[in-house]
C-alpha atoms as a PDB file:
ATOM      1  CA  UNK A   1      30.791   8.354  32.829  1.00  0.00           C
ATOM      2  CA  UNK A   2      33.242   9.636  35.424  1.00  0.00           C
ATOM      3  CA  UNK A   3      31.720  13.115  35.221  1.00  0.00           C
ATOM      4  CA  UNK A   4      28.218  11.756  35.871  1.00  0.00           C
ATOM      5  CA  UNK A   5      29.534   9.810  38.862  1.00  0.00           C
ATOM      6  CA  UNK A   6      31.229  12.949  40.243  1.00  0.00           C
ATOM      7  CA  UNK A   7      28.095  15.055  39.851  1.00  0.00           C
ATOM      8  CA  UNK A   8      25.930  12.350  41.398  1.00  0.00           C
ATOM      9  CA  UNK A   9      28.388  11.958  44.272  1.00  0.00           C
ATOM     10  CA  UNK A  10      28.537  15.736  44.773  1.00  0.00           C
ATOM     11  CA  UNK A  11      24.754  16.092  45.056  1.00  0.00           C
ATOM     12  CA  UNK A  12      24.513  13.086  47.378  1.00  0.00           C
ATOM     13  CA  UNK A  13      27.166  14.586  49.634  1.00  0.00           C
ATOM     14  CA  UNK A  14      25.657  18.066  49.353  1.00  0.00           C
ATOM     15  CA  UNK A  15      22.179  16.960  50.431  1.00  0.00           C
ATOM     16  CA  UNK A  16      23.683  14.927  53.249  1.00  0.00           C
ATOM     17  CA  UNK A  17      25.573  18.051  54.333  1.00  0.00           C
ATOM     18  CA  UNK A  18      22.409  20.145  54.124  1.00  0.00           C
ATOM     19  CA  UNK A  19      20.839  17.890  56.722  1.00  0.00           C
ATOM     20  CA  UNK A  20      23.723  18.757  59.053  1.00  0.00           C
ATOM     21  CA  UNK A  21      23.199  22.461  58.309  1.00  0.00           C
ATOM     22  CA  UNK A  22      19.508  22.047  59.085  1.00  0.00           C
ATOM     23  CA  UNK A  23      20.332  20.322  62.395  1.00  0.00           C
ATOM     24  CA  UNK A  24      22.667  23.170  63.317  1.00  0.00           C
ATOM     25  CA  UNK A  25      20.046  25.913  62.891  1.00  0.00           C
ATOM     26  CA  UNK A  26      16.580  25.158  61.535  1.00  0.00           C
ATOM     27  CA  UNK A  27      15.310  28.746  61.515  1.00  0.00           C
ATOM     28  CA  UNK A  28      18.152  30.285  59.530  1.00  0.00           C
ATOM     29  CA  UNK A  29      18.276  27.255  57.212  1.00  0.00           C
ATOM     30  CA  UNK A  30      14.634  27.677  56.254  1.00  0.00           C
ATOM     31  CA  UNK A  31      15.105  31.426  55.952  1.00  0.00           C
ATOM     32  CA  UNK A  32      18.079  30.936  53.643  1.00  0.00           C
ATOM     33  CA  UNK A  33      16.163  28.414  51.548  1.00  0.00           C
ATOM     34  CA  UNK A  34      13.449  31.052  51.177  1.00  0.00           C
ATOM     35  CA  UNK A  35      15.754  33.931  50.289  1.00  0.00           C
ATOM     36  CA  UNK A  36      17.795  32.031  47.668  1.00  0.00           C
ATOM     37  CA  UNK A  37      14.890  31.419  45.241  1.00  0.00           C
ATOM     38  CA  UNK A  38      13.535  34.928  45.773  1.00  0.00           C
ATOM     39  CA  UNK A  39      16.921  36.411  44.991  1.00  0.00           C
ATOM     40  CA  UNK A  40      17.336  34.159  41.957  1.00  0.00           C
ATOM     41  CA  UNK A  41      13.947  35.131  40.515  1.00  0.00           C
ATOM     42  CA  UNK A  42      14.503  38.879  40.802  1.00  0.00           C
ATOM     43  CA  UNK A  43      16.427  39.375  37.505  1.00  0.00           C
ATOM     44  CA  UNK A  44      13.679  37.588  35.584  1.00  0.00           C
ATOM     45  CA  UNK A  45      10.970  39.576  37.353  1.00  0.00           C
ATOM     46  CA  UNK A  46      12.774  42.838  36.584  1.00  0.00           C
ATOM     47  CA  UNK A  47      13.117  41.941  32.897  1.00  0.00           C
ATOM     48  CA  UNK A  48       9.519  40.752  32.692  1.00  0.00           C
ATOM     49  CA  UNK A  49       8.142  43.888  34.350  1.00  0.00           C
ATOM     50  CA  UNK A  50      10.341  46.178  32.201  1.00  0.00           C
ATOM     51  CA  UNK A  51       8.996  44.444  29.099  1.00  0.00           C
ATOM     52  CA  UNK A  52       5.420  44.911  30.353  1.00  0.00           C
ATOM     53  CA  UNK A  53       6.091  48.605  31.056  1.00  0.00           C
ATOM     54  CA  UNK A  54       7.309  49.123  27.497  1.00  0.00           C
ATOM     55  CA  UNK A  55       4.318  47.228  26.067  1.00  0.00           C
ATOM     56  CA  UNK A  56       1.847  49.191  28.210  1.00  0.00           C
ATOM     57  CA  UNK A  57       3.522  52.495  27.300  1.00  0.00           C
ATOM     58  CA  UNK A  58       3.308  51.748  23.560  1.00  0.00           C
ATOM     59  CA  UNK A  59      -0.393  50.954  24.018  1.00  0.00           C
ATOM     60  CA  UNK A  60      -0.767  54.231  25.971  1.00  0.00           C
ATOM     61  CA  UNK A  61      -2.286  52.387  28.916  1.00  0.00           C
ATOM     62  CA  UNK A  62      -1.425  54.750  31.785  1.00  0.00           C
ATOM     63  CA  UNK A  63      -3.074  52.650  34.523  1.00  0.00           C
ATOM     64  CA  UNK A  64      -1.219  49.563  33.349  1.00  0.00           C
ATOM     65  CA  UNK A  65       2.081  51.446  33.225  1.00  0.00           C
ATOM     66  CA  UNK A  66       1.646  52.754  36.773  1.00  0.00           C
ATOM     67  CA  UNK A  67       0.743  49.329  38.189  1.00  0.00           C
ATOM     68  CA  UNK A  68       3.596  47.566  36.425  1.00  0.00           C
ATOM     69  CA  UNK A  69       5.975  50.383  37.386  1.00  0.00           C
ATOM     70  CA  UNK A  70       5.056  49.808  41.028  1.00  0.00           C
ATOM     71  CA  UNK A  71       5.726  46.070  40.596  1.00  0.00           C
ATOM     72  CA  UNK A  72       9.053  46.850  38.914  1.00  0.00           C
ATOM     73  CA  UNK A  73      10.047  49.296  41.681  1.00  0.00           C
ATOM     74  CA  UNK A  74       9.156  46.759  44.384  1.00  0.00           C
ATOM     75  CA  UNK A  75      11.153  44.052  42.591  1.00  0.00           C
ATOM     76  CA  UNK A  76      14.104  46.427  42.163  1.00  0.00           C
ATOM     77  CA  UNK A  77      14.014  47.388  45.841  1.00  0.00           C
ATOM     78  CA  UNK A  78      13.664  43.756  46.899  1.00  0.00           C
ATOM     79  CA  UNK A  79      16.558  42.649  44.684  1.00  0.00           C
ATOM     80  CA  UNK A  80      18.793  45.253  46.338  1.00  0.00           C
ATOM     81  CA  UNK A  81      17.651  44.314  49.849  1.00  0.00           C
ATOM     82  CA  UNK A  82      17.954  40.539  49.429  1.00  0.00           C
ATOM     83  CA  UNK A  83      21.742  40.472  48.916  1.00  0.00           C
ATOM     84  CA  UNK A  84      22.633  41.942  52.347  1.00  0.00           C
ATOM     85  CA  UNK A  85      19.864  39.866  53.957  1.00  0.00           C
ATOM     86  CA  UNK A  86      21.278  36.737  52.309  1.00  0.00           C
ATOM     87  CA  UNK A  87      24.809  37.571  53.463  1.00  0.00           C
ATOM     88  CA  UNK A  88      23.636  38.188  57.031  1.00  0.00           C
ATOM     89  CA  UNK A  89      21.648  34.952  57.201  1.00  0.00           C
ATOM     90  CA  UNK A  90      24.568  33.062  55.697  1.00  0.00           C
ATOM     91  CA  UNK A  91      26.892  34.537  58.339  1.00  0.00           C
ATOM     92  CA  UNK A  92      24.573  33.527  61.186  1.00  0.00           C
ATOM     93  CA  UNK A  93      24.148  30.064  59.718  1.00  0.00           C
ATOM     94  CA  UNK A  94      27.882  29.614  59.227  1.00  0.00           C
ATOM     95  CA  UNK A  95      28.550  30.578  62.854  1.00  0.00           C
ATOM     96  CA  UNK A  96      25.898  28.183  64.103  1.00  0.00           C
ATOM     97  CA  UNK A  97      27.159  25.398  61.858  1.00  0.00           C
ATOM     98  CA  UNK A  98      30.750  25.883  63.020  1.00  0.00           C
ATOM     99  CA  UNK A  99      29.577  25.809  66.639  1.00  0.00           C
ATOM    100  CA  UNK A 100      27.537  22.668  65.976  1.00  0.00           C
ATOM    101  CA  UNK A 101      30.451  20.889  64.288  1.00  0.00           C
ATOM    102  CA  UNK A 102      32.940  21.825  67.011  1.00  0.00           C
ATOM    103  CA  UNK A 103      30.496  20.764  69.728  1.00  0.00           C
ATOM    104  CA  UNK A 104      29.901  17.478  67.912  1.00  0.00           C
ATOM    105  CA  UNK A 105      33.649  16.892  67.742  1.00  0.00           C
ATOM    106  CA  UNK A 106      33.995  17.541  71.472  1.00  0.00           C
ATOM    107  CA  UNK A 107      31.098  15.223  72.288  1.00  0.00           C
ATOM    108  CA  UNK A 108      32.560  12.524  70.052  1.00  0.00           C
ATOM    109  CA  UNK A 109      35.948  12.780  71.771  1.00  0.00           C
ATOM    110  CA  UNK A 110      34.244  12.467  75.166  1.00  0.00           C
ATOM    111  CA  UNK A 111      32.636   9.236  74.033  1.00  0.00           C
ATOM    112  CA  UNK A 112      36.017   7.631  73.378  1.00  0.00           C
ATOM    113  CA  UNK A 113      36.643   5.247  76.240  1.00  0.00           C
ATOM    114  CA  UNK A 114      39.948   3.685  75.239  1.00  0.00           C
ATOM    115  CA  UNK A 115      43.219   5.428  76.019  1.00  0.00           C
ATOM    116  CA  UNK A 116      45.010   3.768  73.106  1.00  0.00           C
ATOM    117  CA  UNK A 117      43.312   6.161  70.691  1.00  0.00           C
ATOM    118  CA  UNK A 118      44.935   9.118  72.447  1.00  0.00           C
ATOM    119  CA  UNK A 119      48.383   7.558  72.116  1.00  0.00           C
ATOM    120  CA  UNK A 120      48.162   7.523  68.324  1.00  0.00           C
ATOM    121  CA  UNK A 121      49.655  10.662  66.736  1.00  0.00           C
ATOM    122  CA  UNK A 122      47.391  10.367  63.687  1.00  0.00           C
ATOM    123  CA  UNK A 123      44.410  10.919  66.002  1.00  0.00           C
ATOM    124  CA  UNK A 124      45.781  14.336  66.959  1.00  0.00           C
ATOM    125  CA  UNK A 125      46.550  15.115  63.326  1.00  0.00           C
ATOM    126  CA  UNK A 126      42.969  14.278  62.359  1.00  0.00           C
ATOM    127  CA  UNK A 127      41.588  16.402  65.206  1.00  0.00           C
ATOM    128  CA  UNK A 128      43.829  19.302  64.191  1.00  0.00           C
ATOM    129  CA  UNK A 129      42.697  19.112  60.557  1.00  0.00           C
ATOM    130  CA  UNK A 130      39.044  18.874  61.567  1.00  0.00           C
ATOM    131  CA  UNK A 131      39.332  21.891  63.868  1.00  0.00           C
ATOM    132  CA  UNK A 132      41.057  23.960  61.184  1.00  0.00           C
ATOM    133  CA  UNK A 133      38.614  23.042  58.436  1.00  0.00           C
ATOM    134  CA  UNK A 134      35.497  23.407  60.562  1.00  0.00           C
ATOM    135  CA  UNK A 135      35.829  27.178  60.330  1.00  0.00           C
ATOM    136  CA  UNK A 136      35.935  27.498  56.522  1.00  0.00           C
ATOM    137  CA  UNK A 137      34.393  24.355  55.011  1.00  0.00           C
ATOM    138  CA  UNK A 138      30.849  25.250  56.106  1.00  0.00           C
ATOM    139  CA  UNK A 139      31.212  28.641  54.419  1.00  0.00           C
ATOM    140  CA  UNK A 140      32.307  26.994  51.178  1.00  0.00           C
ATOM    141  CA  UNK A 141      29.425  24.536  51.398  1.00  0.00           C
ATOM    142  CA  UNK A 142      26.847  27.269  51.838  1.00  0.00           C
ATOM    143  CA  UNK A 143      28.274  29.683  49.263  1.00  0.00           C
ATOM    144  CA  UNK A 144      28.882  27.106  46.545  1.00  0.00           C
ATOM    145  CA  UNK A 145      25.603  25.270  47.085  1.00  0.00           C
ATOM    146  CA  UNK A 146      23.542  28.442  47.209  1.00  0.00           C
ATOM    147  CA  UNK A 147      25.269  29.668  44.065  1.00  0.00           C
ATOM    148  CA  UNK A 148      24.406  26.484  42.170  1.00  0.00           C
ATOM    149  CA  UNK A 149      20.775  26.575  43.278  1.00  0.00           C
ATOM    150  CA  UNK A 150      20.490  30.280  42.491  1.00  0.00           C
ATOM    151  CA  UNK A 151      22.038  29.924  39.031  1.00  0.00           C
ATOM    152  CA  UNK A 152      19.749  27.032  38.131  1.00  0.00           C
ATOM    153  CA  UNK A 153      16.640  28.969  39.215  1.00  0.00           C
ATOM    154  CA  UNK A 154      17.755  32.090  37.328  1.00  0.00           C
ATOM    155  CA  UNK A 155      18.589  30.123  34.171  1.00  0.00           C
ATOM    156  CA  UNK A 156      15.260  28.287  34.169  1.00  0.00           C
ATOM    157  CA  UNK A 157      13.282  31.482  34.761  1.00  0.00           C
ATOM    158  CA  UNK A 158      15.179  33.243  31.961  1.00  0.00           C
ATOM    159  CA  UNK A 159      14.478  30.337  29.618  1.00  0.00           C
ATOM    160  CA  UNK A 160      10.788  30.601  30.476  1.00  0.00           C
ATOM    161  CA  UNK A 161      10.878  34.312  29.607  1.00  0.00           C
ATOM    162  CA  UNK A 162      12.710  33.646  26.347  1.00  0.00           C
ATOM    163  CA  UNK A 163      10.323  30.838  25.430  1.00  0.00           C
ATOM    164  CA  UNK A 164       7.518  33.409  25.571  1.00  0.00           C
ATOM    165  CA  UNK A 165       9.144  35.181  22.604  1.00  0.00           C
ATOM    166  CA  UNK A 166       9.889  32.043  20.639  1.00  0.00           C
ATOM    167  CA  UNK A 167       9.698  28.373  21.624  1.00  0.00           C
ATOM    168  CA  UNK A 168      12.842  27.644  19.563  1.00  0.00           C
ATOM    169  CA  UNK A 169      14.959  29.794  21.885  1.00  0.00           C
END
């Protein structure tokens, strides 16, 4: 019961955080959400196309082998290109998110009209913690979240491939 609550709470917080990421940089957010599934599907596509190459070669279907070999080569090239592209997009998005969070903190502190808040030492402690964590928490959010999404997509696509051999798998 506690585990279900933690998972539910994590996904609620994660999707709420994704909205902040999207506000920080819409273009790179959409680009990252496009690259993650593509990258996650590449292992399944490589296995599927390798299987088709072997089947076409055993049937001595040269045209089929050449076409599927081209698909396999494109998928192999794309799988090698997507990792540095993903890392670059993630870096840009992390920088933009950190800037957005720090700017939001500054704007929020400007909106404070009472001087009594500034006399409280816990206020400065909270600001210090927020400033320190704003540089690494967004990175953890993006890396961990993207990893979960990518693993789920890869696992489902692999199960679909295995189900083609036998539904009991």
